[in-house]
N, C-alpha and C. Protein backbone atom coordinates (compact mmCIF):
# COMPACT_ATOMS: atom_id res chain seq x y z
N MET A 1 -16.01 -23.32 1.77
CA MET A 1 -16.12 -21.97 2.28
C MET A 1 -16.19 -21.01 1.09
N VAL A 2 -17.20 -20.21 1.07
CA VAL A 2 -17.37 -19.24 -0.01
C VAL A 2 -16.60 -17.98 0.33
N ARG A 3 -15.79 -17.54 -0.64
CA ARG A 3 -15.05 -16.29 -0.45
C ARG A 3 -15.80 -15.18 -1.15
N ASN A 4 -16.05 -14.13 -0.45
CA ASN A 4 -16.76 -13.00 -1.02
C ASN A 4 -15.85 -11.78 -0.92
N ASN A 5 -15.19 -11.44 -2.02
CA ASN A 5 -14.29 -10.30 -2.02
C ASN A 5 -14.95 -9.04 -2.54
N ARG A 6 -16.27 -9.06 -2.60
CA ARG A 6 -17.01 -7.89 -3.07
C ARG A 6 -16.81 -6.75 -2.08
N GLN A 7 -16.51 -5.59 -2.62
CA GLN A 7 -16.31 -4.44 -1.75
C GLN A 7 -17.65 -3.76 -1.49
N ILE A 8 -17.87 -3.40 -0.26
CA ILE A 8 -19.10 -2.73 0.12
C ILE A 8 -19.15 -1.34 -0.53
N ILE A 9 -18.03 -0.64 -0.48
CA ILE A 9 -17.92 0.70 -1.06
C ILE A 9 -16.88 0.63 -2.18
N PRO A 10 -17.31 0.47 -3.43
CA PRO A 10 -16.35 0.31 -4.52
C PRO A 10 -15.37 1.47 -4.66
N GLU A 11 -15.78 2.67 -4.28
CA GLU A 11 -14.91 3.83 -4.41
C GLU A 11 -13.70 3.75 -3.48
N SER A 12 -13.76 2.87 -2.49
CA SER A 12 -12.66 2.74 -1.53
C SER A 12 -11.45 2.04 -2.14
N ARG A 13 -11.64 1.34 -3.26
CA ARG A 13 -10.54 0.59 -3.87
C ARG A 13 -9.35 1.50 -4.16
N HIS A 14 -9.60 2.69 -4.71
CA HIS A 14 -8.51 3.61 -5.05
C HIS A 14 -7.76 4.06 -3.79
N VAL A 15 -8.49 4.37 -2.74
CA VAL A 15 -7.85 4.84 -1.50
C VAL A 15 -7.00 3.74 -0.89
N ILE A 16 -7.50 2.51 -0.88
CA ILE A 16 -6.74 1.41 -0.29
C ILE A 16 -5.51 1.12 -1.13
N GLN A 17 -5.63 1.18 -2.46
CA GLN A 17 -4.46 0.99 -3.32
C GLN A 17 -3.41 2.06 -3.04
N GLN A 18 -3.86 3.29 -2.87
CA GLN A 18 -2.93 4.39 -2.59
C GLN A 18 -2.24 4.16 -1.25
N TRP A 19 -3.01 3.78 -0.24
CA TRP A 19 -2.43 3.49 1.08
C TRP A 19 -1.40 2.39 0.97
N LYS A 20 -1.70 1.36 0.18
CA LYS A 20 -0.79 0.22 0.04
C LYS A 20 0.59 0.67 -0.42
N TYR A 21 0.64 1.52 -1.43
CA TYR A 21 1.92 1.96 -1.95
C TYR A 21 2.58 3.01 -1.05
N GLU A 22 1.80 3.84 -0.39
CA GLU A 22 2.37 4.80 0.57
C GLU A 22 3.01 4.06 1.74
N ILE A 23 2.33 3.05 2.25
CA ILE A 23 2.86 2.28 3.38
C ILE A 23 4.12 1.53 2.96
N ALA A 24 4.09 0.93 1.77
CA ALA A 24 5.28 0.23 1.28
C ALA A 24 6.46 1.19 1.18
N ALA A 25 6.21 2.41 0.72
CA ALA A 25 7.29 3.40 0.63
C ALA A 25 7.78 3.78 2.03
N GLU A 26 6.85 3.94 2.98
CA GLU A 26 7.24 4.26 4.35
C GLU A 26 8.11 3.16 4.95
N PHE A 27 7.80 1.91 4.62
CA PHE A 27 8.56 0.76 5.13
C PHE A 27 9.82 0.52 4.33
N GLY A 28 10.02 1.27 3.24
CA GLY A 28 11.22 1.10 2.42
C GLY A 28 11.18 -0.10 1.50
N LEU A 29 9.99 -0.55 1.13
CA LEU A 29 9.86 -1.71 0.26
C LEU A 29 9.84 -1.27 -1.20
N PRO A 30 10.65 -1.88 -2.04
CA PRO A 30 10.75 -1.48 -3.45
C PRO A 30 9.64 -2.06 -4.31
N VAL A 31 8.53 -1.36 -4.40
CA VAL A 31 7.41 -1.78 -5.26
C VAL A 31 6.96 -0.60 -6.10
N GLY A 32 6.32 -0.90 -7.20
CA GLY A 32 5.82 0.15 -8.09
C GLY A 32 4.40 0.51 -7.74
N TYR A 33 3.87 1.44 -8.46
CA TYR A 33 2.49 1.87 -8.26
C TYR A 33 1.65 1.24 -9.34
N GLY A 34 0.86 0.23 -9.01
CA GLY A 34 0.01 -0.44 -9.98
C GLY A 34 0.84 -1.21 -10.98
N SER A 35 0.40 -1.24 -12.21
CA SER A 35 1.10 -2.00 -13.24
C SER A 35 2.00 -1.08 -14.04
N GLY A 36 2.94 -0.47 -13.37
CA GLY A 36 3.90 0.38 -14.05
C GLY A 36 3.37 1.77 -14.31
N ALA A 37 2.28 2.15 -13.67
CA ALA A 37 1.73 3.48 -13.90
C ALA A 37 2.65 4.54 -13.33
N THR A 38 2.65 5.68 -13.96
CA THR A 38 3.47 6.76 -13.44
C THR A 38 2.71 7.45 -12.33
N GLY A 39 3.40 8.28 -11.60
CA GLY A 39 2.76 9.01 -10.51
C GLY A 39 2.82 8.26 -9.20
N ALA A 40 3.75 7.35 -9.05
CA ALA A 40 3.87 6.62 -7.80
C ALA A 40 4.20 7.59 -6.68
N ASP A 41 3.70 7.29 -5.52
CA ASP A 41 3.96 8.15 -4.37
C ASP A 41 5.36 7.87 -3.87
N THR A 42 6.26 8.79 -4.10
CA THR A 42 7.65 8.59 -3.72
C THR A 42 8.07 9.53 -2.61
N GLU A 43 7.10 10.06 -1.89
CA GLU A 43 7.42 11.02 -0.84
C GLU A 43 8.45 10.47 0.15
N PHE A 44 8.25 9.23 0.57
CA PHE A 44 9.15 8.64 1.56
C PHE A 44 10.18 7.73 0.92
N ALA A 45 9.94 7.28 -0.28
CA ALA A 45 10.80 6.28 -0.91
C ALA A 45 12.23 6.78 -1.07
N GLY A 46 12.41 8.01 -1.51
CA GLY A 46 13.75 8.53 -1.73
C GLY A 46 14.55 8.62 -0.45
N GLU A 47 13.92 9.09 0.61
CA GLU A 47 14.66 9.24 1.86
C GLU A 47 14.92 7.90 2.53
N LEU A 48 14.12 6.88 2.22
CA LEU A 48 14.35 5.57 2.79
C LEU A 48 15.23 4.70 1.91
N GLY A 49 15.58 5.22 0.73
CA GLY A 49 16.50 4.50 -0.13
C GLY A 49 15.85 3.41 -0.95
N SER A 50 14.52 3.40 -1.08
CA SER A 50 13.90 2.33 -1.84
C SER A 50 13.88 2.62 -3.32
N LEU A 51 14.24 3.81 -3.73
CA LEU A 51 14.36 4.10 -5.15
C LEU A 51 15.78 3.77 -5.56
N GLY A 52 15.90 3.02 -6.62
CA GLY A 52 17.22 2.67 -7.10
C GLY A 52 17.87 3.86 -7.77
N SER A 53 19.07 3.65 -8.30
CA SER A 53 19.77 4.75 -8.94
C SER A 53 19.05 5.22 -10.18
N SER A 54 18.25 4.34 -10.80
CA SER A 54 17.51 4.74 -11.98
C SER A 54 16.22 5.45 -11.61
N GLY A 55 15.81 5.35 -10.34
CA GLY A 55 14.59 6.00 -9.89
C GLY A 55 13.34 5.25 -10.31
N SER A 56 13.49 3.99 -10.72
CA SER A 56 12.32 3.23 -11.16
C SER A 56 11.93 2.22 -10.10
N TYR A 57 10.69 1.82 -10.16
CA TYR A 57 10.15 0.83 -9.25
C TYR A 57 9.93 -0.47 -9.99
N THR A 58 9.85 -1.56 -9.24
CA THR A 58 9.40 -2.82 -9.79
C THR A 58 7.88 -2.80 -9.68
N SER A 59 7.18 -3.25 -10.70
CA SER A 59 5.72 -3.14 -10.69
C SER A 59 5.05 -4.37 -10.09
N SER A 60 5.79 -5.21 -9.39
CA SER A 60 5.25 -6.44 -8.84
C SER A 60 5.52 -6.52 -7.34
N TRP A 61 4.65 -7.23 -6.65
CA TRP A 61 4.84 -7.48 -5.23
C TRP A 61 5.45 -8.86 -5.00
N GLY A 62 5.62 -9.66 -6.07
CA GLY A 62 6.05 -11.04 -5.96
C GLY A 62 7.44 -11.24 -5.40
N HIS A 63 8.30 -10.26 -5.50
CA HIS A 63 9.66 -10.40 -5.00
C HIS A 63 9.77 -10.15 -3.50
N LEU A 64 8.70 -9.70 -2.87
CA LEU A 64 8.71 -9.43 -1.43
C LEU A 64 8.33 -10.68 -0.66
N SER A 65 8.81 -10.78 0.56
CA SER A 65 8.49 -11.93 1.39
C SER A 65 7.06 -11.81 1.92
N SER A 66 6.54 -12.91 2.42
CA SER A 66 5.21 -12.91 3.02
C SER A 66 5.15 -11.95 4.20
N ARG A 67 6.24 -11.89 4.95
CA ARG A 67 6.29 -10.99 6.11
C ARG A 67 6.19 -9.54 5.67
N GLU A 68 6.91 -9.18 4.59
CA GLU A 68 6.87 -7.80 4.11
C GLU A 68 5.49 -7.45 3.58
N ASN A 69 4.91 -8.34 2.78
CA ASN A 69 3.56 -8.09 2.27
C ASN A 69 2.56 -8.03 3.41
N GLY A 70 2.71 -8.93 4.38
CA GLY A 70 1.79 -8.95 5.52
C GLY A 70 1.89 -7.71 6.38
N SER A 71 3.10 -7.15 6.48
CA SER A 71 3.25 -5.93 7.29
C SER A 71 2.50 -4.77 6.65
N VAL A 72 2.47 -4.73 5.32
CA VAL A 72 1.72 -3.68 4.63
C VAL A 72 0.22 -3.88 4.87
N GLY A 73 -0.25 -5.12 4.72
CA GLY A 73 -1.66 -5.41 4.97
C GLY A 73 -2.07 -5.13 6.40
N GLY A 74 -1.21 -5.47 7.34
CA GLY A 74 -1.50 -5.20 8.75
C GLY A 74 -1.59 -3.72 9.05
N GLU A 75 -0.72 -2.94 8.42
CA GLU A 75 -0.75 -1.49 8.63
C GLU A 75 -2.01 -0.89 8.02
N ILE A 76 -2.43 -1.40 6.86
CA ILE A 76 -3.68 -0.93 6.26
C ILE A 76 -4.83 -1.20 7.22
N THR A 77 -4.86 -2.41 7.79
CA THR A 77 -5.93 -2.76 8.73
C THR A 77 -5.92 -1.84 9.94
N LYS A 78 -4.73 -1.56 10.49
CA LYS A 78 -4.64 -0.66 11.65
C LYS A 78 -5.18 0.73 11.30
N ARG A 79 -4.84 1.22 10.11
CA ARG A 79 -5.31 2.54 9.70
C ARG A 79 -6.81 2.56 9.47
N LEU A 80 -7.36 1.48 8.90
CA LEU A 80 -8.80 1.41 8.68
C LEU A 80 -9.55 1.38 10.02
N VAL A 81 -9.05 0.62 10.97
CA VAL A 81 -9.68 0.55 12.29
C VAL A 81 -9.60 1.91 12.98
N ALA A 82 -8.45 2.57 12.91
CA ALA A 82 -8.30 3.90 13.53
C ALA A 82 -9.26 4.90 12.90
N GLU A 83 -9.39 4.85 11.57
CA GLU A 83 -10.32 5.76 10.88
C GLU A 83 -11.76 5.49 11.29
N ALA A 84 -12.14 4.21 11.41
CA ALA A 84 -13.49 3.86 11.83
C ALA A 84 -13.75 4.35 13.26
N GLN A 85 -12.77 4.20 14.13
CA GLN A 85 -12.93 4.66 15.51
C GLN A 85 -13.10 6.18 15.56
N ARG A 86 -12.32 6.89 14.76
CA ARG A 86 -12.46 8.36 14.71
C ARG A 86 -13.87 8.74 14.24
N ASN A 87 -14.35 8.04 13.23
CA ASN A 87 -15.70 8.34 12.70
C ASN A 87 -16.79 8.04 13.71
N LEU A 88 -16.60 6.99 14.51
CA LEU A 88 -17.60 6.65 15.52
C LEU A 88 -17.61 7.68 16.65
N LEU A 89 -16.45 8.25 16.96
CA LEU A 89 -16.39 9.23 18.04
C LEU A 89 -16.95 10.58 17.61
N ASN A 90 -17.00 10.84 16.34
CA ASN A 90 -17.52 12.14 15.86
C ASN A 90 -18.97 12.09 15.59
């Protein structure tokens, strides 16, 4: 089976990465933004307690369970489908 991970719209990569970290923060999952880059979206992280006392994030997703990672991916898919439906209705 050939895997083709080529993105149809390369510019979408940034938006999906941003959604990934926003959703993780909404779910209270302690992950960083990219490879330790500053400017992580912490809008929800502080109120959900996912920021530690130092206020730093872990820059890896490896410490999360498959269920936690899958919940983020599932939410991204739900949001993409909702956005596509909105665009089709307009």
